[in-house]
């Protein structure tokens, strides 16, 4: 007996499957298979998880995507390339974000914004996606990171928030005021001083997952977080500065956290320049104090 054809599946089953294939396939592949798949791909339930590519279009100055040297370092470069080839110069970040958000008809629950996102696009997301549970702003949106505090009150159901490098003391009180369900916060490469730590402890003491890897810490601030955020089950402060990864006090305070990562963290020792103002001597002193490999030990010929 001949098996059932994919195009003959009910719309509900197709939507359930197609909602898992990702934005690239849903936008550039699925609609062109057959009429039933095209119809299913337009259903809002397929657009609940909006994971945008790292970039919507190449930086100005690039004429050919195939020649970009950093392509292999970007996981979704193929998607970015296909977008650029499909829409040519007519594609803007704001227009693309609005176009995709409209597909969800307010059903989006997860969004990862593209690099170069504009305030207009972020405002559109804020007003069109009230059901949002997870938002990732990303490290390529420094400007957006600075204004997101203006829109945080729109996302009452937010559970997960990933920021880029950001001044946390400005947004944490607003998160605590409006996002009562938030349990996961990520803000890598951020400065964490006593003000930031105090805001975390007073406004978000119920956090369970906190990612601050690569941060610049005051040790006293880190102690405040470890003592005040008692619900943490995951804390990543690896490869950070301001404390050593073998600090006995830090390890003792963090011993109750099931997943605690601090590997590669260190205190950077600041040294005074040598009295001879010798660049080589200054470099060797810095490496010795901070246990770095010294370039002069590699016997390079600098002549």
Protein backbone atom coordinates (compact mmCIF):
# COMPACT_ATOMS: atom_id res chain seq x y z
CA UNK A 1 0.00 0.00 0.00
CA UNK A 2 1.32 3.40 -0.93
CA UNK A 3 2.46 5.43 2.08
CA UNK A 4 0.87 8.69 3.04
CA UNK A 5 2.42 11.74 1.40
CA UNK A 6 3.83 14.63 3.43
CA UNK A 7 1.71 17.14 1.56
CA UNK A 8 -1.41 15.23 2.61
CA UNK A 9 -0.76 15.61 6.34
CA UNK A 10 -3.22 17.69 8.32
CA UNK A 11 -2.38 21.34 8.84
CA UNK A 12 -2.00 20.81 12.60
CA UNK A 13 0.65 18.11 12.14
CA UNK A 14 2.51 20.15 9.53
CA UNK A 15 2.54 23.21 11.79
CA UNK A 16 3.85 21.11 14.66
CA UNK A 17 6.73 19.86 12.51
CA UNK A 18 7.52 23.03 10.59
CA UNK A 19 7.60 25.11 13.76
CA UNK A 20 10.81 23.26 14.66
CA UNK A 21 12.83 23.67 11.47
CA UNK A 22 14.21 27.15 12.11
CA UNK A 23 13.85 30.53 10.47
CA UNK A 24 16.06 29.85 7.44
CA UNK A 25 14.12 26.80 6.24
CA UNK A 26 10.77 28.26 7.21
CA UNK A 27 11.44 31.38 5.18
CA UNK A 28 13.54 30.22 2.22
CA UNK A 29 12.79 26.50 1.75
CA UNK A 30 9.48 25.22 3.13
CA UNK A 31 7.13 27.62 1.29
CA UNK A 32 8.42 26.40 -2.08
CA UNK A 33 7.83 22.67 -1.56
CA UNK A 34 4.09 22.60 -2.23
CA UNK A 35 0.89 24.56 -1.61
CA UNK A 36 0.03 22.79 1.64
CA UNK A 37 3.49 23.45 3.08
CA UNK A 38 3.29 27.08 1.99
CA UNK A 39 -0.05 27.44 3.74
CA UNK A 40 1.26 25.76 6.89
CA UNK A 41 4.39 27.95 6.94
CA UNK A 42 2.18 31.05 7.21
CA UNK A 43 0.51 29.84 10.41
CA UNK A 44 1.50 31.99 13.43
CA UNK A 45 2.26 28.86 15.48
CA UNK A 46 5.27 28.23 13.20
CA UNK A 47 6.76 31.56 14.25
CA UNK A 48 6.79 31.32 18.04
CA UNK A 49 10.57 30.93 18.23
CA UNK A 50 12.29 33.73 16.29
CA UNK A 51 16.03 33.08 16.19
CA UNK A 52 17.36 35.77 13.88
CA UNK A 53 20.73 35.36 12.12
CA UNK A 54 23.74 37.08 13.65
CA UNK A 55 23.56 39.72 10.93
CA UNK A 56 20.85 40.59 8.43
CA UNK A 57 23.16 42.04 5.81
CA UNK A 58 26.92 42.49 5.41
CA UNK A 59 28.74 45.46 6.82
CA UNK A 60 29.06 48.38 4.42
CA UNK A 61 32.17 48.04 2.31
CA UNK A 62 31.82 44.32 1.61
CA UNK A 63 30.99 43.63 -2.02
CA UNK A 64 30.99 39.87 -2.00
CA UNK A 65 29.89 37.58 0.81
CA UNK A 66 32.01 34.74 -0.54
CA UNK A 67 35.19 36.68 0.21
CA UNK A 68 34.46 37.50 3.87
CA UNK A 69 37.31 36.04 5.89
CA UNK A 70 35.28 35.53 9.07
CA UNK A 71 32.50 33.49 7.45
CA UNK A 72 33.45 30.17 9.11
CA UNK A 73 33.39 31.84 12.54
CA UNK A 74 29.69 32.73 12.21
CA UNK A 75 27.46 29.65 12.62
CA UNK A 76 24.64 31.05 10.52
CA UNK A 77 26.71 32.63 7.75
CA UNK A 78 24.94 30.47 5.14
CA UNK A 79 21.57 31.91 6.15
CA UNK A 80 22.99 35.44 6.10
CA UNK A 81 24.42 34.84 2.65
CA UNK A 82 21.11 33.52 1.31
CA UNK A 83 19.26 36.54 2.68
CA UNK A 84 21.71 38.91 1.04
CA UNK A 85 21.42 37.09 -2.29
CA UNK A 86 17.61 36.91 -2.13
CA UNK A 87 16.84 40.49 -1.10
CA UNK A 88 19.95 42.28 -2.41
CA UNK A 89 20.02 45.93 -1.27
CA UNK A 90 16.33 46.05 -0.39
CA UNK A 91 16.82 44.37 2.98
CA UNK A 92 17.08 46.46 6.14
CA UNK A 93 17.34 45.19 9.71
CA UNK A 94 14.25 47.08 10.85
CA UNK A 95 12.09 45.96 7.94
CA UNK A 96 13.19 42.34 8.27
CA UNK A 97 12.52 42.23 12.03
CA UNK A 98 9.05 43.71 11.51
CA UNK A 99 8.32 41.29 8.67
CA UNK A 100 9.22 38.24 10.78
CA UNK A 101 7.49 39.51 13.92
CA UNK A 102 4.29 40.05 11.92
CA UNK A 103 4.36 36.38 10.94
CA UNK A 104 3.99 35.45 14.62
CA UNK A 105 0.82 37.55 15.09
CA UNK A 106 1.76 38.16 18.74
CA UNK A 107 2.54 34.48 19.46
CA UNK A 108 6.33 34.79 19.70
CA UNK A 109 7.70 33.49 23.00
CA UNK A 110 11.43 33.33 22.15
CA UNK A 111 13.39 35.99 20.27
CA UNK A 112 17.11 36.35 19.56
CA UNK A 113 17.70 39.72 17.92
CA UNK A 114 20.10 40.20 15.00
CA UNK A 115 23.19 42.36 15.20
CA UNK A 116 22.64 45.97 14.26
CA UNK A 117 19.09 45.96 15.60
CA UNK A 118 17.52 49.43 15.72
CA UNK A 119 15.45 51.13 18.39
CA UNK A 120 12.50 51.11 16.00
CA UNK A 121 12.78 47.34 15.60
CA UNK A 122 13.12 46.80 19.36
CA UNK A 123 10.07 48.98 20.03
CA UNK A 124 8.12 46.94 17.47
CA UNK A 125 9.09 43.73 19.24
CA UNK A 126 8.07 45.25 22.58
CA UNK A 127 4.58 46.16 21.42
CA UNK A 128 3.90 43.20 19.14
CA UNK A 129 5.28 40.38 21.32
CA UNK A 130 3.64 40.66 24.76
CA UNK A 131 3.91 36.89 25.37
CA UNK A 132 7.69 36.90 25.19
CA UNK A 133 9.39 34.52 27.65
CA UNK A 134 12.97 34.61 26.38
CA UNK A 135 14.84 37.55 24.87
CA UNK A 136 18.48 37.60 23.73
CA UNK A 137 19.81 41.01 22.76
CA UNK A 138 23.33 39.80 21.99
CA UNK A 139 26.80 41.29 22.06
CA UNK A 140 26.46 43.00 18.67
CA UNK A 141 23.81 45.45 19.85
CA UNK A 142 25.62 47.85 22.14
CA UNK A 143 23.17 50.65 21.36
CA UNK A 144 20.12 48.43 21.97
CA UNK A 145 21.61 47.21 25.24
CA UNK A 146 21.62 50.83 26.36
CA UNK A 147 17.93 51.52 25.68
CA UNK A 148 16.26 48.19 26.44
CA UNK A 149 15.36 49.51 29.90
CA UNK A 150 12.74 51.67 28.15
CA UNK A 151 10.81 48.60 27.00
CA UNK A 152 11.33 46.03 29.75
CA UNK A 153 7.95 46.80 31.31
CA UNK A 154 6.23 45.39 28.22
CA UNK A 155 7.43 41.83 28.87
CA UNK A 156 5.60 40.73 32.02
CA UNK A 157 6.12 37.03 31.25
CA UNK A 158 9.85 37.21 30.66
CA UNK A 159 11.75 34.27 32.16
CA UNK A 160 15.11 34.51 30.39
CA UNK A 161 17.08 37.62 29.40
CA UNK A 162 20.46 37.70 27.68
CA UNK A 163 22.16 41.05 27.40
CA UNK A 164 25.47 42.08 25.92
CA UNK A 165 27.95 44.22 27.81
CA UNK A 166 25.64 46.37 29.89
CA UNK A 167 25.48 48.61 32.97
CA UNK A 168 23.31 46.29 35.03
CA UNK A 169 22.55 48.73 37.84
CA UNK A 170 20.26 50.66 35.48
CA UNK A 171 18.08 47.78 34.33
CA UNK A 172 17.99 45.33 37.25
CA UNK A 173 15.52 47.35 39.37
CA UNK A 174 13.18 47.59 36.36
CA UNK A 175 13.45 43.85 35.74
CA UNK A 176 12.62 43.17 39.37
CA UNK A 177 9.65 45.53 39.19
CA UNK A 178 8.08 44.20 35.98
CA UNK A 179 9.42 40.69 35.26
CA UNK A 180 8.41 38.61 38.25
CA UNK A 181 8.98 35.32 36.44
CA UNK A 182 12.62 35.96 35.49
CA UNK A 183 14.88 33.11 36.59
CA UNK A 184 17.75 33.32 34.03
CA UNK A 185 19.96 36.35 33.39
CA UNK A 186 23.05 36.55 31.21
CA UNK A 187 25.27 39.61 30.86
CA UNK A 188 28.84 38.57 30.01
CA UNK A 189 31.85 40.90 29.94
CA UNK A 190 30.14 43.33 32.29
CA UNK A 191 31.51 45.35 35.19
CA UNK A 192 30.12 44.11 38.50
CA UNK A 193 30.72 46.52 41.37
CA UNK A 194 28.96 46.93 44.69
CA UNK A 195 26.07 48.89 43.14
CA UNK A 196 25.41 46.19 40.57
CA UNK A 197 25.67 43.44 43.18
CA UNK A 198 23.36 45.28 45.56
CA UNK A 199 20.78 45.69 42.77
CA UNK A 200 20.97 41.97 41.94
CA UNK A 201 20.52 40.91 45.55
CA UNK A 202 17.69 43.33 46.32
CA UNK A 203 15.73 43.01 43.05
CA UNK A 204 16.53 39.54 41.68
CA UNK A 205 17.36 37.41 44.69
CA UNK A 206 15.20 34.57 43.29
CA UNK A 207 17.38 34.09 40.20
CA UNK A 208 18.32 30.50 39.50
CA UNK A 209 20.66 30.92 36.52
CA UNK A 210 23.21 33.72 36.29
CA UNK A 211 25.87 34.05 33.60
CA UNK A 212 28.45 36.81 34.11
CA UNK A 213 31.45 35.13 32.47
CA UNK A 214 34.27 37.36 31.31
CA UNK A 215 33.19 40.05 33.76
CA UNK A 216 35.24 42.62 35.64
CA UNK A 217 34.43 42.11 39.34
CA UNK A 218 35.06 43.81 42.61
CA UNK A 219 35.64 40.83 44.84
CA UNK A 220 33.39 42.34 47.53
CA UNK A 221 30.60 42.55 44.95
CA UNK A 222 30.98 38.88 44.09
CA UNK A 223 30.82 37.97 47.78
CA UNK A 224 27.58 39.99 48.05
CA UNK A 225 26.04 38.02 45.16
CA UNK A 226 27.09 34.67 46.59
CA UNK A 227 25.69 35.56 50.00
CA UNK A 228 22.48 37.19 48.76
CA UNK A 229 21.30 35.09 45.79
CA UNK A 230 20.48 31.90 47.68
CA UNK A 231 18.37 30.30 44.92
CA UNK A 232 21.16 30.02 42.36
CA UNK A 233 21.64 26.58 40.83
CA UNK A 234 23.93 27.80 38.02
CA UNK A 235 26.55 30.55 38.19
CA UNK A 236 29.13 31.14 35.45
CA UNK A 237 31.87 33.64 36.30
CA UNK A 238 34.61 31.89 34.35
CA UNK A 239 37.42 33.82 32.64
CA UNK A 240 36.65 36.89 34.70
CA UNK A 241 38.87 39.45 36.40
CA UNK A 242 39.05 40.67 40.00
CA UNK A 243 39.46 37.33 41.80
CA UNK A 244 41.41 34.12 41.35
CA UNK A 245 39.71 30.87 40.44
CA UNK A 246 41.29 29.18 43.46
CA UNK A 247 40.16 31.83 45.97
CA UNK A 248 39.21 29.85 49.09
CA UNK A 249 36.54 32.31 50.24
CA UNK A 250 34.80 32.35 46.86
CA UNK A 251 34.90 28.57 46.54
CA UNK A 252 33.47 28.11 50.02
CA UNK A 253 30.59 30.53 49.43
CA UNK A 254 29.83 28.90 46.06
CA UNK A 255 29.99 25.34 47.36
CA UNK A 256 26.18 25.16 47.63
CA UNK A 257 25.64 26.05 43.96
CA UNK A 258 25.26 22.81 41.91
CA UNK A 259 26.76 24.30 38.75
CA UNK A 260 29.50 26.79 39.57
CA UNK A 261 32.12 27.81 36.99
CA UNK A 262 35.03 30.12 37.69
CA UNK A 263 37.85 28.51 35.71
CA UNK A 264 40.35 30.92 34.21
CA UNK A 265 39.43 33.85 36.44
CA UNK A 266 42.30 35.90 37.83
CA UNK A 267 43.46 39.09 39.45
CA UNK A 268 45.41 41.31 37.08
CA UNK A 269 48.37 42.82 38.91
CA UNK A 270 49.10 46.36 37.85
CA UNK A 271 52.83 47.15 37.87
CA UNK A 272 54.68 50.43 37.67
CA UNK A 273 56.76 50.92 34.52
CA UNK A 274 60.41 50.04 34.90
CA UNK A 275 62.70 52.86 35.86
CA UNK A 276 64.47 52.43 32.53
CA UNK A 277 61.13 52.68 30.64
CA UNK A 278 62.17 49.61 28.67
CA UNK A 279 59.13 48.15 26.79
CA UNK A 280 60.64 44.67 26.80
CA UNK A 281 61.35 44.77 30.54
CA UNK A 282 57.85 46.14 31.27
CA UNK A 283 56.31 43.33 29.21
CA UNK A 284 58.40 40.67 30.96
CA UNK A 285 57.45 42.05 34.40
CA UNK A 286 53.75 42.07 33.47
CA UNK A 287 53.85 38.47 32.23
CA UNK A 288 55.75 37.31 35.31
CA UNK A 289 53.24 38.93 37.69
CA UNK A 290 50.22 37.58 35.84
CA UNK A 291 51.60 34.18 34.85
CA UNK A 292 51.31 34.87 31.13
CA UNK A 293 53.56 33.46 28.43
CA UNK A 294 56.11 36.06 27.45
CA UNK A 295 56.47 36.71 23.74
CA UNK A 296 60.21 37.26 24.20
CA UNK A 297 60.60 33.70 25.50
CA UNK A 298 59.51 32.38 22.11
CA UNK A 299 62.77 33.53 20.48
CA UNK A 300 61.09 35.43 17.64
CA UNK A 301 63.36 37.44 15.42
CA UNK A 302 61.98 40.98 15.67
CA UNK A 303 64.61 42.51 13.43
